[in-house]
Amino acid sequence: MTQKTTENLIIHHLGVSQSDRVIWLMEELELSYKLVWHNRSPEGGMPQAYLDLHPAATAPTIQDGARTLTESVVILEYICHTYGEGKLTVGPNQPNYYDYLYWMQFNNNVLGLFFAGAAAGLHATPRAETMQKFIKRREDRYYAYLEEHLGKTGFLAGDEFTCADIMVVFNLTALARMVGKTFSDQPNTLDYIERIGKRPAYIKAMQIAGPEAKPPGR
């Protein structure tokens, strides 16, 4: 069987967004890709060219021939199974499948709390204060569970690095910096972030599309 190639795969990278994890995955799998960089507006919004890519208008977005895909979990699974021979994924017949499923979804749960917290802070009402307390409790519990879990295993889905790790790290780095969150009281999480940060593919991806990266030619 001829190995499928990624010669037509385009990653549309929106500056300072979750689309950097798709580039990270491609570097981990050592797959080629085309990168199209989209700058945010001065107010932080998406440019019209990005909004026009897909009806949902969310980052990340990739194009693969006639297909246009959004949503990180969808994109990572699609790339791994279409071009990566299933590497970095965990199947239903493997004992760590349930861990893999959980941590693949962790990102969106925490991200939802981040946006809900931002919205709740718009209006200083008793209802908003109650919501902020609820969101803070949920967020604290999520990160406490992450800390506990990382005390038992090297990576989120077990002893090997998988897409679950790629999904979660954005919350621990770029998103955490946005809200001034540190993990100084969570040594397992700090150690995990440090170990991930030393992966050659992660370093390269952040140089290409991380929060401090600049568009090519600038």
N, C-alpha and C. Protein backbone atom coordinates (compact mmCIF):
# COMPACT_ATOMS: atom_id res chain seq x y z
N MET A 1 0.85 -1.20 0.00
CA MET A 1 0.00 0.00 0.00
C MET A 1 0.89 1.25 0.00
N THR A 2 0.58 2.19 -0.88
CA THR A 2 1.35 3.43 -0.96
C THR A 2 0.97 4.36 0.19
N GLN A 3 1.97 4.87 0.87
CA GLN A 3 1.72 5.80 1.98
C GLN A 3 1.15 7.10 1.44
N LYS A 4 0.05 7.55 2.01
CA LYS A 4 -0.55 8.82 1.62
C LYS A 4 0.40 9.96 2.00
N THR A 5 0.41 10.99 1.18
CA THR A 5 1.30 12.12 1.44
C THR A 5 0.49 13.34 1.86
N THR A 6 1.18 14.27 2.50
CA THR A 6 0.53 15.49 2.98
C THR A 6 0.85 16.68 2.08
N GLU A 7 1.13 16.42 0.82
CA GLU A 7 1.56 17.51 -0.07
C GLU A 7 0.48 18.57 -0.26
N ASN A 8 -0.79 18.21 -0.07
CA ASN A 8 -1.87 19.17 -0.25
C ASN A 8 -2.42 19.69 1.08
N LEU A 9 -1.79 19.32 2.19
CA LEU A 9 -2.32 19.71 3.49
C LEU A 9 -1.83 21.12 3.86
N ILE A 10 -2.79 22.00 4.12
CA ILE A 10 -2.49 23.39 4.47
C ILE A 10 -2.95 23.65 5.89
N ILE A 11 -2.06 24.14 6.73
CA ILE A 11 -2.42 24.56 8.08
C ILE A 11 -2.58 26.07 8.07
N HIS A 12 -3.78 26.53 8.39
CA HIS A 12 -4.03 27.97 8.50
C HIS A 12 -3.79 28.37 9.95
N HIS A 13 -2.68 29.02 10.17
CA HIS A 13 -2.30 29.38 11.55
C HIS A 13 -2.74 30.79 11.87
N LEU A 14 -3.57 30.92 12.89
CA LEU A 14 -3.97 32.22 13.41
C LEU A 14 -3.02 32.57 14.54
N GLY A 15 -2.39 33.74 14.47
CA GLY A 15 -1.42 34.12 15.49
C GLY A 15 -1.97 34.01 16.90
N VAL A 16 -1.17 33.45 17.81
CA VAL A 16 -1.54 33.23 19.21
C VAL A 16 -2.87 32.50 19.29
N SER A 17 -2.86 31.26 18.89
CA SER A 17 -4.07 30.45 18.95
C SER A 17 -3.71 28.98 19.09
N GLN A 18 -4.74 28.16 19.25
CA GLN A 18 -4.55 26.72 19.43
C GLN A 18 -4.06 26.02 18.17
N SER A 19 -4.01 26.72 17.05
CA SER A 19 -3.55 26.07 15.83
C SER A 19 -2.08 25.70 15.90
N ASP A 20 -1.34 26.24 16.90
CA ASP A 20 0.07 25.84 17.01
C ASP A 20 0.22 24.36 17.32
N ARG A 21 -0.81 23.76 17.95
CA ARG A 21 -0.70 22.34 18.29
C ARG A 21 -0.74 21.44 17.05
N VAL A 22 -1.37 21.90 15.96
CA VAL A 22 -1.39 21.11 14.73
C VAL A 22 0.01 21.07 14.13
N ILE A 23 0.69 22.20 14.16
CA ILE A 23 2.07 22.25 13.68
C ILE A 23 2.97 21.37 14.54
N TRP A 24 2.73 21.41 15.85
CA TRP A 24 3.49 20.55 16.76
C TRP A 24 3.31 19.08 16.38
N LEU A 25 2.07 18.67 16.12
CA LEU A 25 1.81 17.29 15.73
C LEU A 25 2.56 16.92 14.46
N MET A 26 2.52 17.81 13.47
CA MET A 26 3.20 17.51 12.21
C MET A 26 4.69 17.34 12.41
N GLU A 27 5.27 18.15 13.31
CA GLU A 27 6.70 18.02 13.59
C GLU A 27 6.99 16.73 14.34
N GLU A 28 6.11 16.33 15.25
CA GLU A 28 6.29 15.06 15.96
C GLU A 28 6.26 13.88 14.98
N LEU A 29 5.35 13.94 14.01
CA LEU A 29 5.21 12.86 13.04
C LEU A 29 6.19 12.99 11.88
N GLU A 30 6.92 14.11 11.84
CA GLU A 30 7.87 14.39 10.77
C GLU A 30 7.19 14.37 9.41
N LEU A 31 6.05 15.04 9.33
CA LEU A 31 5.29 15.13 8.09
C LEU A 31 5.43 16.54 7.52
N SER A 32 5.44 16.63 6.21
CA SER A 32 5.52 17.94 5.56
C SER A 32 4.14 18.60 5.55
N TYR A 33 4.12 19.91 5.41
CA TYR A 33 2.86 20.65 5.37
C TYR A 33 3.11 22.05 4.82
N LYS A 34 2.04 22.68 4.42
CA LYS A 34 2.11 24.07 3.99
C LYS A 34 1.51 24.94 5.09
N LEU A 35 2.15 26.05 5.36
CA LEU A 35 1.70 26.94 6.43
C LEU A 35 1.24 28.26 5.83
N VAL A 36 0.02 28.64 6.19
CA VAL A 36 -0.50 29.96 5.82
C VAL A 36 -0.75 30.71 7.12
N TRP A 37 -0.09 31.82 7.28
CA TRP A 37 -0.17 32.59 8.52
C TRP A 37 -1.24 33.68 8.38
N HIS A 38 -2.09 33.81 9.42
CA HIS A 38 -3.11 34.84 9.44
C HIS A 38 -2.89 35.72 10.68
N ASN A 39 -2.68 37.00 10.47
CA ASN A 39 -2.49 37.93 11.58
C ASN A 39 -3.83 38.36 12.18
N ARG A 40 -3.86 38.49 13.47
CA ARG A 40 -5.06 39.02 14.12
C ARG A 40 -5.14 40.53 13.89
N SER A 41 -6.36 41.04 14.06
CA SER A 41 -6.55 42.49 13.98
C SER A 41 -5.95 43.14 15.23
N PRO A 42 -5.77 44.46 15.26
CA PRO A 42 -5.26 45.12 16.46
C PRO A 42 -6.10 44.84 17.70
N GLU A 43 -7.39 44.55 17.50
CA GLU A 43 -8.27 44.25 18.63
C GLU A 43 -8.23 42.77 19.02
N GLY A 44 -7.47 41.95 18.26
CA GLY A 44 -7.35 40.54 18.57
C GLY A 44 -8.29 39.64 17.79
N GLY A 45 -9.07 40.20 16.88
CA GLY A 45 -10.02 39.40 16.12
C GLY A 45 -9.39 38.69 14.94
N MET A 46 -10.21 37.84 14.29
CA MET A 46 -9.76 37.11 13.11
C MET A 46 -9.89 37.98 11.87
N PRO A 47 -8.94 37.90 10.94
CA PRO A 47 -9.09 38.62 9.68
C PRO A 47 -10.18 37.96 8.83
N GLN A 48 -10.72 38.70 7.88
CA GLN A 48 -11.81 38.18 7.06
C GLN A 48 -11.41 36.92 6.31
N ALA A 49 -10.17 36.85 5.87
CA ALA A 49 -9.71 35.66 5.13
C ALA A 49 -9.82 34.40 5.97
N TYR A 50 -9.61 34.54 7.27
CA TYR A 50 -9.74 33.38 8.15
C TYR A 50 -11.22 33.05 8.38
N LEU A 51 -12.03 34.08 8.57
CA LEU A 51 -13.46 33.87 8.78
C LEU A 51 -14.10 33.16 7.59
N ASP A 52 -13.55 33.39 6.41
CA ASP A 52 -14.12 32.81 5.19
C ASP A 52 -13.74 31.34 4.98
N LEU A 53 -12.82 30.82 5.77
CA LEU A 53 -12.34 29.45 5.54
C LEU A 53 -13.40 28.39 5.83
N HIS A 54 -14.18 28.62 6.89
CA HIS A 54 -15.13 27.59 7.35
C HIS A 54 -16.30 28.29 8.03
N PRO A 55 -17.52 27.75 7.88
CA PRO A 55 -18.69 28.39 8.51
C PRO A 55 -18.54 28.60 10.01
N ALA A 56 -17.85 27.67 10.70
CA ALA A 56 -17.69 27.80 12.15
C ALA A 56 -16.69 28.88 12.53
N ALA A 57 -15.77 29.20 11.62
CA ALA A 57 -14.78 30.26 11.83
C ALA A 57 -14.05 30.12 13.16
N THR A 58 -13.42 28.96 13.36
CA THR A 58 -12.66 28.71 14.58
C THR A 58 -11.24 28.27 14.22
N ALA A 59 -10.33 28.50 15.17
CA ALA A 59 -8.95 28.03 15.02
C ALA A 59 -8.76 26.83 15.94
N PRO A 60 -8.07 25.80 15.43
CA PRO A 60 -7.35 25.69 14.16
C PRO A 60 -8.27 25.31 12.99
N THR A 61 -7.75 25.56 11.80
CA THR A 61 -8.41 25.15 10.56
C THR A 61 -7.34 24.60 9.62
N ILE A 62 -7.64 23.46 9.01
CA ILE A 62 -6.73 22.93 7.99
C ILE A 62 -7.54 22.65 6.72
N GLN A 63 -6.84 22.65 5.61
CA GLN A 63 -7.41 22.22 4.34
C GLN A 63 -6.57 21.06 3.82
N ASP A 64 -7.26 20.01 3.38
CA ASP A 64 -6.58 18.86 2.81
C ASP A 64 -7.31 18.50 1.53
N GLY A 65 -6.82 19.06 0.43
CA GLY A 65 -7.54 18.89 -0.81
C GLY A 65 -8.89 19.59 -0.73
N ALA A 66 -9.97 18.83 -0.96
CA ALA A 66 -11.32 19.40 -0.93
C ALA A 66 -11.88 19.50 0.48
N ARG A 67 -11.18 18.94 1.46
CA ARG A 67 -11.67 18.94 2.84
C ARG A 67 -11.17 20.16 3.60
N THR A 68 -12.07 20.77 4.37
CA THR A 68 -11.69 21.82 5.31
C THR A 68 -12.17 21.38 6.68
N LEU A 69 -11.24 21.26 7.62
CA LEU A 69 -11.56 20.75 8.94
C LEU A 69 -11.24 21.77 10.02
N THR A 70 -12.10 21.81 11.06
CA THR A 70 -11.82 22.59 12.25
C THR A 70 -11.91 21.66 13.45
N GLU A 71 -11.65 22.19 14.64
CA GLU A 71 -11.68 21.49 15.92
C GLU A 71 -10.40 20.66 16.10
N SER A 72 -9.68 20.97 17.15
CA SER A 72 -8.37 20.35 17.39
C SER A 72 -8.41 18.83 17.45
N VAL A 73 -9.36 18.28 18.21
CA VAL A 73 -9.42 16.83 18.35
C VAL A 73 -9.67 16.17 17.00
N VAL A 74 -10.57 16.74 16.22
CA VAL A 74 -10.88 16.20 14.89
C VAL A 74 -9.64 16.23 14.01
N ILE A 75 -8.96 17.36 14.00
CA ILE A 75 -7.79 17.52 13.14
C ILE A 75 -6.67 16.57 13.54
N LEU A 76 -6.37 16.49 14.83
CA LEU A 76 -5.28 15.62 15.28
C LEU A 76 -5.56 14.16 14.96
N GLU A 77 -6.79 13.71 15.25
CA GLU A 77 -7.13 12.32 14.95
C GLU A 77 -7.09 12.07 13.44
N TYR A 78 -7.59 13.02 12.67
CA TYR A 78 -7.61 12.87 11.21
C TYR A 78 -6.19 12.72 10.67
N ILE A 79 -5.29 13.59 11.10
CA ILE A 79 -3.92 13.54 10.59
C ILE A 79 -3.24 12.24 11.02
N CYS A 80 -3.39 11.88 12.28
CA CYS A 80 -2.72 10.67 12.78
C CYS A 80 -3.17 9.42 12.05
N HIS A 81 -4.47 9.31 11.79
CA HIS A 81 -4.98 8.08 11.16
C HIS A 81 -4.90 8.12 9.65
N THR A 82 -4.90 9.31 9.06
CA THR A 82 -4.82 9.41 7.60
C THR A 82 -3.38 9.36 7.11
N TYR A 83 -2.47 9.99 7.86
CA TYR A 83 -1.09 10.11 7.39
C TYR A 83 -0.04 9.55 8.35
N GLY A 84 -0.42 9.37 9.62
CA GLY A 84 0.57 8.97 10.61
C GLY A 84 0.50 7.53 11.05
N GLU A 85 -0.25 6.70 10.31
CA GLU A 85 -0.36 5.27 10.62
C GLU A 85 -0.83 5.03 12.06
N GLY A 86 -1.63 5.96 12.58
CA GLY A 86 -2.18 5.80 13.92
C GLY A 86 -1.23 6.13 15.05
N LYS A 87 -0.04 6.62 14.73
CA LYS A 87 0.92 6.96 15.78
C LYS A 87 0.36 8.06 16.67
N LEU A 88 0.75 8.04 17.92
CA LEU A 88 0.37 9.02 18.94
C LEU A 88 -1.11 8.96 19.31
N THR A 89 -1.81 7.92 18.87
CA THR A 89 -3.20 7.72 19.27
C THR A 89 -3.30 6.42 20.07
N VAL A 90 -4.43 6.23 20.72
CA VAL A 90 -4.68 5.02 21.50
C VAL A 90 -6.01 4.44 21.07
N GLY A 91 -6.04 3.14 20.78
CA GLY A 91 -7.25 2.49 20.28
C GLY A 91 -8.11 1.89 21.37
N PRO A 92 -9.39 1.56 21.06
CA PRO A 92 -10.32 1.01 22.05
C PRO A 92 -9.87 -0.30 22.68
N ASN A 93 -8.99 -1.02 21.99
CA ASN A 93 -8.53 -2.30 22.52
C ASN A 93 -7.34 -2.17 23.45
N GLN A 94 -6.87 -0.96 23.68
CA GLN A 94 -5.72 -0.75 24.56
C GLN A 94 -6.18 -0.35 25.96
N PRO A 95 -5.47 -0.81 26.99
CA PRO A 95 -5.92 -0.59 28.37
C PRO A 95 -5.96 0.87 28.80
N ASN A 96 -5.19 1.72 28.13
CA ASN A 96 -5.17 3.15 28.51
C ASN A 96 -6.08 4.00 27.63
N TYR A 97 -7.01 3.34 26.93
CA TYR A 97 -7.91 4.06 26.03
C TYR A 97 -8.77 5.08 26.77
N TYR A 98 -9.25 4.70 27.96
CA TYR A 98 -10.14 5.62 28.69
C TYR A 98 -9.38 6.86 29.15
N ASP A 99 -8.10 6.71 29.51
CA ASP A 99 -7.29 7.89 29.86
C ASP A 99 -7.12 8.78 28.64
N TYR A 100 -6.85 8.17 27.51
CA TYR A 100 -6.65 8.92 26.27
C TYR A 100 -7.90 9.74 25.93
N LEU A 101 -9.07 9.10 26.01
CA LEU A 101 -10.31 9.81 25.71
C LEU A 101 -10.53 10.99 26.64
N TYR A 102 -10.28 10.78 27.93
CA TYR A 102 -10.53 11.85 28.90
C TYR A 102 -9.65 13.05 28.63
N TRP A 103 -8.36 12.82 28.47
CA TRP A 103 -7.44 13.95 28.34
C TRP A 103 -7.52 14.60 26.97
N MET A 104 -8.02 13.90 25.97
CA MET A 104 -8.27 14.52 24.68
C MET A 104 -9.37 15.57 24.79
N GLN A 105 -10.30 15.38 25.73
CA GLN A 105 -11.42 16.32 25.90
C GLN A 105 -11.14 17.38 26.96
N PHE A 106 -10.09 17.24 27.73
CA PHE A 106 -9.78 18.15 28.83
C PHE A 106 -9.65 19.59 28.35
N ASN A 107 -9.00 19.77 27.20
CA ASN A 107 -8.75 21.10 26.67
C ASN A 107 -10.03 21.91 26.54
N ASN A 108 -11.04 21.36 25.87
CA ASN A 108 -12.26 22.12 25.64
C ASN A 108 -13.02 22.40 26.92
N ASN A 109 -12.94 21.50 27.89
CA ASN A 109 -13.60 21.74 29.17
C ASN A 109 -13.01 22.97 29.86
N VAL A 110 -11.69 23.02 29.94
CA VAL A 110 -11.03 24.14 30.62
C VAL A 110 -11.17 25.42 29.79
N LEU A 111 -11.08 25.29 28.48
CA LEU A 111 -11.21 26.47 27.63
C LEU A 111 -12.61 27.08 27.77
N GLY A 112 -13.62 26.22 27.90
CA GLY A 112 -14.97 26.71 28.11
C GLY A 112 -15.09 27.50 29.39
N LEU A 113 -14.42 27.04 30.43
CA LEU A 113 -14.43 27.77 31.70
C LEU A 113 -13.73 29.11 31.56
N PHE A 114 -12.66 29.14 30.79
CA PHE A 114 -11.93 30.39 30.57
C PHE A 114 -12.83 31.44 29.93
N PHE A 115 -13.55 31.06 28.87
CA PHE A 115 -14.42 32.01 28.19
C PHE A 115 -15.63 32.37 29.05
N ALA A 116 -16.16 31.39 29.78
CA ALA A 116 -17.29 31.68 30.65
C ALA A 116 -16.89 32.65 31.76
N GLY A 117 -15.68 32.47 32.28
CA GLY A 117 -15.18 33.36 33.33
C GLY A 117 -15.01 34.77 32.82
N ALA A 118 -14.51 34.89 31.58
CA ALA A 118 -14.34 36.21 30.99
C ALA A 118 -15.68 36.90 30.80
N ALA A 119 -16.68 36.11 30.37
CA ALA A 119 -18.00 36.68 30.15
C ALA A 119 -18.66 37.07 31.46
N ALA A 120 -18.50 36.24 32.49
CA ALA A 120 -19.11 36.53 33.79
C ALA A 120 -18.56 37.80 34.42
N GLY A 121 -17.37 38.16 34.04
CA GLY A 121 -16.76 39.35 34.61
C GLY A 121 -17.21 40.64 33.94
N LEU A 122 -18.04 40.53 32.89
CA LEU A 122 -18.46 41.72 32.18
C LEU A 122 -19.47 42.55 32.97
N HIS A 123 -20.25 41.88 33.84
CA HIS A 123 -21.30 42.58 34.56
C HIS A 123 -21.20 42.25 36.05
N ALA A 124 -21.00 43.25 36.87
CA ALA A 124 -20.83 43.04 38.32
C ALA A 124 -22.20 42.90 38.98
N THR A 125 -22.76 41.71 38.92
CA THR A 125 -24.05 41.41 39.54
C THR A 125 -23.87 40.24 40.48
N PRO A 126 -24.79 40.04 41.43
CA PRO A 126 -24.70 38.86 42.31
C PRO A 126 -24.65 37.56 41.52
N ARG A 127 -25.40 37.49 40.43
CA ARG A 127 -25.40 36.30 39.58
C ARG A 127 -24.01 36.05 38.99
N ALA A 128 -23.37 37.13 38.53
CA ALA A 128 -22.04 37.01 37.95
C ALA A 128 -21.04 36.54 38.99
N GLU A 129 -21.15 37.06 40.22
CA GLU A 129 -20.24 36.65 41.29
C GLU A 129 -20.41 35.16 41.61
N THR A 130 -21.65 34.69 41.62
CA THR A 130 -21.91 33.28 41.86
C THR A 130 -21.30 32.42 40.76
N MET A 131 -21.46 32.86 39.50
CA MET A 131 -20.90 32.12 38.38
C MET A 131 -19.38 32.08 38.43
N GLN A 132 -18.78 33.20 38.82
CA GLN A 132 -17.32 33.23 38.91
C GLN A 132 -16.80 32.25 39.96
N LYS A 133 -17.51 32.15 41.09
CA LYS A 133 -17.12 31.20 42.13
C LYS A 133 -17.26 29.77 41.63
N PHE A 134 -18.34 29.50 40.90
CA PHE A 134 -18.57 28.16 40.34
C PHE A 134 -17.47 27.81 39.34
N ILE A 135 -17.16 28.77 38.47
CA ILE A 135 -16.13 28.53 37.46
C ILE A 135 -14.77 28.31 38.11
N LYS A 136 -14.47 29.11 39.12
CA LYS A 136 -13.19 28.96 39.82
C LYS A 136 -13.08 27.58 40.47
N ARG A 137 -14.17 27.12 41.07
CA ARG A 137 -14.16 25.80 41.71
C ARG A 137 -13.93 24.71 40.69
N ARG A 138 -14.62 24.79 39.55
CA ARG A 138 -14.47 23.78 38.50
C ARG A 138 -13.04 23.78 37.97
N GLU A 139 -12.52 24.97 37.72
CA GLU A 139 -11.17 25.09 37.19
C GLU A 139 -10.14 24.52 38.17
N ASP A 140 -10.29 24.88 39.45
CA ASP A 140 -9.37 24.37 40.47
C ASP A 140 -9.42 22.86 40.54
N ARG A 141 -10.60 22.28 40.44
CA ARG A 141 -10.75 20.82 40.50
C ARG A 141 -10.09 20.15 39.30
N TYR A 142 -10.27 20.75 38.13
CA TYR A 142 -9.65 20.18 36.93
C TYR A 142 -8.13 20.12 37.07
N TYR A 143 -7.55 21.24 37.51
CA TYR A 143 -6.10 21.28 37.61
C TYR A 143 -5.58 20.44 38.77
N ALA A 144 -6.39 20.29 39.81
CA ALA A 144 -6.01 19.40 40.92
C ALA A 144 -5.98 17.95 40.45
N TYR A 145 -6.96 17.59 39.64
CA TYR A 145 -7.00 16.23 39.10
C TYR A 145 -5.82 15.99 38.16
N LEU A 146 -5.50 16.99 37.35
CA LEU A 146 -4.35 16.88 36.46
C LEU A 146 -3.08 16.65 37.27
N GLU A 147 -2.89 17.40 38.34
CA GLU A 147 -1.72 17.26 39.21
C GLU A 147 -1.65 15.86 39.81
N GLU A 148 -2.79 15.39 40.28
CA GLU A 148 -2.83 14.03 40.87
C GLU A 148 -2.50 12.98 39.83
N HIS A 149 -3.08 13.12 38.65
CA HIS A 149 -2.86 12.14 37.58
C HIS A 149 -1.40 12.10 37.15
N LEU A 150 -0.78 13.26 37.03
CA LEU A 150 0.63 13.32 36.59
C LEU A 150 1.58 12.80 37.65
N GLY A 151 1.10 12.62 38.87
CA GLY A 151 1.92 12.00 39.90
C GLY A 151 1.99 10.49 39.75
N LYS A 152 1.16 9.95 38.85
CA LYS A 152 1.09 8.50 38.68
C LYS A 152 1.60 8.02 37.33
N THR A 153 1.76 8.92 36.38
CA THR A 153 2.10 8.50 35.03
C THR A 153 2.96 9.56 34.34
N GLY A 154 3.77 9.13 33.38
CA GLY A 154 4.68 10.06 32.71
C GLY A 154 3.97 11.00 31.76
N PHE A 155 2.97 10.47 31.05
CA PHE A 155 2.19 11.28 30.13
C PHE A 155 0.71 11.06 30.43
N LEU A 156 -0.14 11.81 29.79
CA LEU A 156 -1.54 11.82 30.20
C LEU A 156 -2.26 10.51 29.94
N ALA A 157 -1.92 9.83 28.85
CA ALA A 157 -2.59 8.57 28.54
C ALA A 157 -1.75 7.35 28.90
N GLY A 158 -0.71 7.55 29.71
CA GLY A 158 0.13 6.42 30.11
C GLY A 158 1.60 6.76 30.03
N ASP A 159 2.40 5.76 29.69
CA ASP A 159 3.85 5.95 29.68
C ASP A 159 4.37 6.54 28.38
N GLU A 160 3.52 6.64 27.36
CA GLU A 160 3.97 7.14 26.07
C GLU A 160 3.27 8.44 25.70
N PHE A 161 3.97 9.29 25.00
CA PHE A 161 3.44 10.56 24.51
C PHE A 161 2.37 10.30 23.46
N THR A 162 1.23 11.00 23.55
CA THR A 162 0.15 10.85 22.57
C THR A 162 -0.45 12.21 22.24
N CYS A 163 -1.46 12.19 21.39
CA CYS A 163 -2.18 13.42 21.03
C CYS A 163 -2.85 14.05 22.25
N ALA A 164 -3.15 13.26 23.26
CA ALA A 164 -3.76 13.82 24.47
C ALA A 164 -2.85 14.88 25.08
N ASP A 165 -1.56 14.65 25.04
CA ASP A 165 -0.60 15.64 25.56
C ASP A 165 -0.59 16.89 24.68
N ILE A 166 -0.66 16.69 23.38
CA ILE A 166 -0.69 17.84 22.47
C ILE A 166 -1.93 18.69 22.73
N MET A 167 -3.05 18.04 23.04
CA MET A 167 -4.30 18.76 23.28
C MET A 167 -4.24 19.61 24.55
N VAL A 168 -3.59 19.11 25.60
CA VAL A 168 -3.69 19.75 26.91
C VAL A 168 -2.67 20.87 27.13
N VAL A 169 -1.51 20.78 26.51
CA VAL A 169 -0.42 21.69 26.84
C VAL A 169 -0.75 23.16 26.59
N PHE A 170 -1.59 23.46 25.60
CA PHE A 170 -1.97 24.85 25.36
C PHE A 170 -2.56 25.48 26.62
N ASN A 171 -3.38 24.72 27.35
CA ASN A 171 -3.99 25.23 28.58
C ASN A 171 -2.96 25.52 29.66
N LEU A 172 -1.87 24.78 29.65
CA LEU A 172 -0.87 24.91 30.69
C LEU A 172 0.18 25.96 30.36
N THR A 173 0.20 26.43 29.13
CA THR A 173 1.22 27.39 28.70
C THR A 173 0.57 28.70 28.23
N ALA A 174 0.16 28.75 26.97
CA ALA A 174 -0.37 30.00 26.41
C ALA A 174 -1.61 30.49 27.16
N LEU A 175 -2.58 29.61 27.40
CA LEU A 175 -3.81 30.03 28.08
C LEU A 175 -3.51 30.45 29.51
N ALA A 176 -2.66 29.71 30.19
CA ALA A 176 -2.31 30.05 31.57
C ALA A 176 -1.65 31.42 31.65
N ARG A 177 -0.79 31.73 30.69
CA ARG A 177 -0.13 33.03 30.70
C ARG A 177 -1.12 34.17 30.47
N MET A 178 -2.15 33.92 29.68
CA MET A 178 -3.16 34.96 29.42
C MET A 178 -3.84 35.43 30.70
N VAL A 179 -4.03 34.51 31.63
CA VAL A 179 -4.75 34.84 32.87
C VAL A 179 -3.83 34.93 34.07
N GLY A 180 -2.52 34.86 33.83
CA GLY A 180 -1.56 34.98 34.92
C GLY A 180 -1.52 33.78 35.85
N LYS A 181 -1.93 32.62 35.34
CA LYS A 181 -1.94 31.42 36.19
C LYS A 181 -0.57 30.76 36.20
N THR A 182 -0.12 30.37 37.39
CA THR A 182 1.11 29.61 37.52
C THR A 182 0.79 28.27 38.17
N PHE A 183 1.74 27.38 38.14
CA PHE A 183 1.56 26.07 38.76
C PHE A 183 2.65 25.84 39.82
N SER A 184 2.97 26.92 40.52
CA SER A 184 4.05 26.87 41.50
C SER A 184 3.77 25.90 42.64
N ASP A 185 2.49 25.64 42.91
CA ASP A 185 2.13 24.71 43.98
C ASP A 185 1.76 23.34 43.44
N GLN A 186 2.09 23.08 42.17
CA GLN A 186 1.76 21.80 41.55
C GLN A 186 3.02 21.24 40.87
N PRO A 187 3.88 20.60 41.64
CA PRO A 187 5.18 20.16 41.12
C PRO A 187 5.09 19.15 39.99
N ASN A 188 4.09 18.26 40.03
CA ASN A 188 3.97 17.28 38.96
C ASN A 188 3.64 17.95 37.64
N THR A 189 2.76 18.94 37.70
CA THR A 189 2.40 19.68 36.50
C THR A 189 3.58 20.48 35.97
N LEU A 190 4.31 21.12 36.87
CA LEU A 190 5.48 21.89 36.45
C LEU A 190 6.52 21.00 35.78
N ASP A 191 6.76 19.84 36.37
CA ASP A 191 7.72 18.90 35.79
C ASP A 191 7.27 18.44 34.41
N TYR A 192 5.98 18.20 34.29
CA TYR A 192 5.41 17.78 33.00
C TYR A 192 5.61 18.87 31.94
N ILE A 193 5.29 20.11 32.29
CA ILE A 193 5.46 21.22 31.36
C ILE A 193 6.92 21.35 30.93
N GLU A 194 7.81 21.19 31.89
CA GLU A 194 9.24 21.30 31.59
C GLU A 194 9.69 20.19 30.65
N ARG A 195 9.23 18.97 30.90
CA ARG A 195 9.62 17.84 30.03
C ARG A 195 9.07 18.00 28.63
N ILE A 196 7.82 18.42 28.54
CA ILE A 196 7.22 18.64 27.22
C ILE A 196 7.98 19.73 26.48
N GLY A 197 8.37 20.77 27.20
CA GLY A 197 9.05 21.90 26.59
C GLY A 197 10.41 21.56 25.99
N LYS A 198 10.96 20.40 26.34
CA LYS A 198 12.25 19.98 25.82
C LYS A 198 12.13 19.10 24.58
N ARG A 199 10.91 18.75 24.21
CA ARG A 199 10.74 17.90 23.03
C ARG A 199 11.13 18.70 21.77
N PRO A 200 12.02 18.16 20.94
CA PRO A 200 12.47 18.90 19.76
C PRO A 200 11.33 19.38 18.87
N ALA A 201 10.31 18.54 18.68
CA ALA A 201 9.19 18.92 17.81
C ALA A 201 8.40 20.07 18.42
N TYR A 202 8.26 20.07 19.74
CA TYR A 202 7.54 21.16 20.41
C TYR A 202 8.32 22.47 20.28
N ILE A 203 9.62 22.39 20.51
CA ILE A 203 10.47 23.58 20.39
C ILE A 203 10.37 24.17 18.98
N LYS A 204 10.44 23.30 17.98
CA LYS A 204 10.37 23.77 16.59
C LYS A 204 9.00 24.37 16.30
N ALA A 205 7.93 23.72 16.78
CA ALA A 205 6.58 24.22 16.52
C ALA A 205 6.37 25.59 17.15
N MET A 206 6.89 25.79 18.35
CA MET A 206 6.73 27.08 19.01
C MET A 206 7.53 28.17 18.30
N GLN A 207 8.67 27.79 17.72
CA GLN A 207 9.44 28.76 16.94
C GLN A 207 8.68 29.17 15.69
N ILE A 208 7.93 28.22 15.12
CA ILE A 208 7.18 28.48 13.90
C ILE A 208 5.88 29.22 14.19
N ALA A 209 5.16 28.79 15.25
CA ALA A 209 3.80 29.28 15.44
C ALA A 209 3.40 29.50 16.88
N GLY A 210 4.35 29.54 17.78
CA GLY A 210 4.02 29.77 19.19
C GLY A 210 3.59 31.20 19.47
N PRO A 211 3.21 31.50 20.70
CA PRO A 211 2.73 32.84 21.05
C PRO A 211 3.70 33.98 20.73
N GLU A 212 5.00 33.68 20.75
CA GLU A 212 5.99 34.72 20.48
C GLU A 212 6.50 34.70 19.04
N ALA A 213 5.97 33.78 18.23
CA ALA A 213 6.45 33.64 16.84
C ALA A 213 5.94 34.79 15.98
N LYS A 214 6.68 35.05 14.91
CA LYS A 214 6.32 36.10 13.97
C LYS A 214 6.06 35.48 12.60
N PRO A 215 5.21 36.11 11.79
CA PRO A 215 4.98 35.59 10.43
C PRO A 215 6.28 35.50 9.65
N PRO A 216 6.39 34.56 8.73
CA PRO A 216 7.61 34.44 7.92
C PRO A 216 7.93 35.76 7.22
N GLY A 217 9.21 36.08 7.21
CA GLY A 217 9.65 37.28 6.51
C GLY A 217 9.62 38.55 7.36
N ARG A 218 9.26 38.40 8.64
CA ARG A 218 9.22 39.59 9.51
C ARG A 218 10.24 39.48 10.62
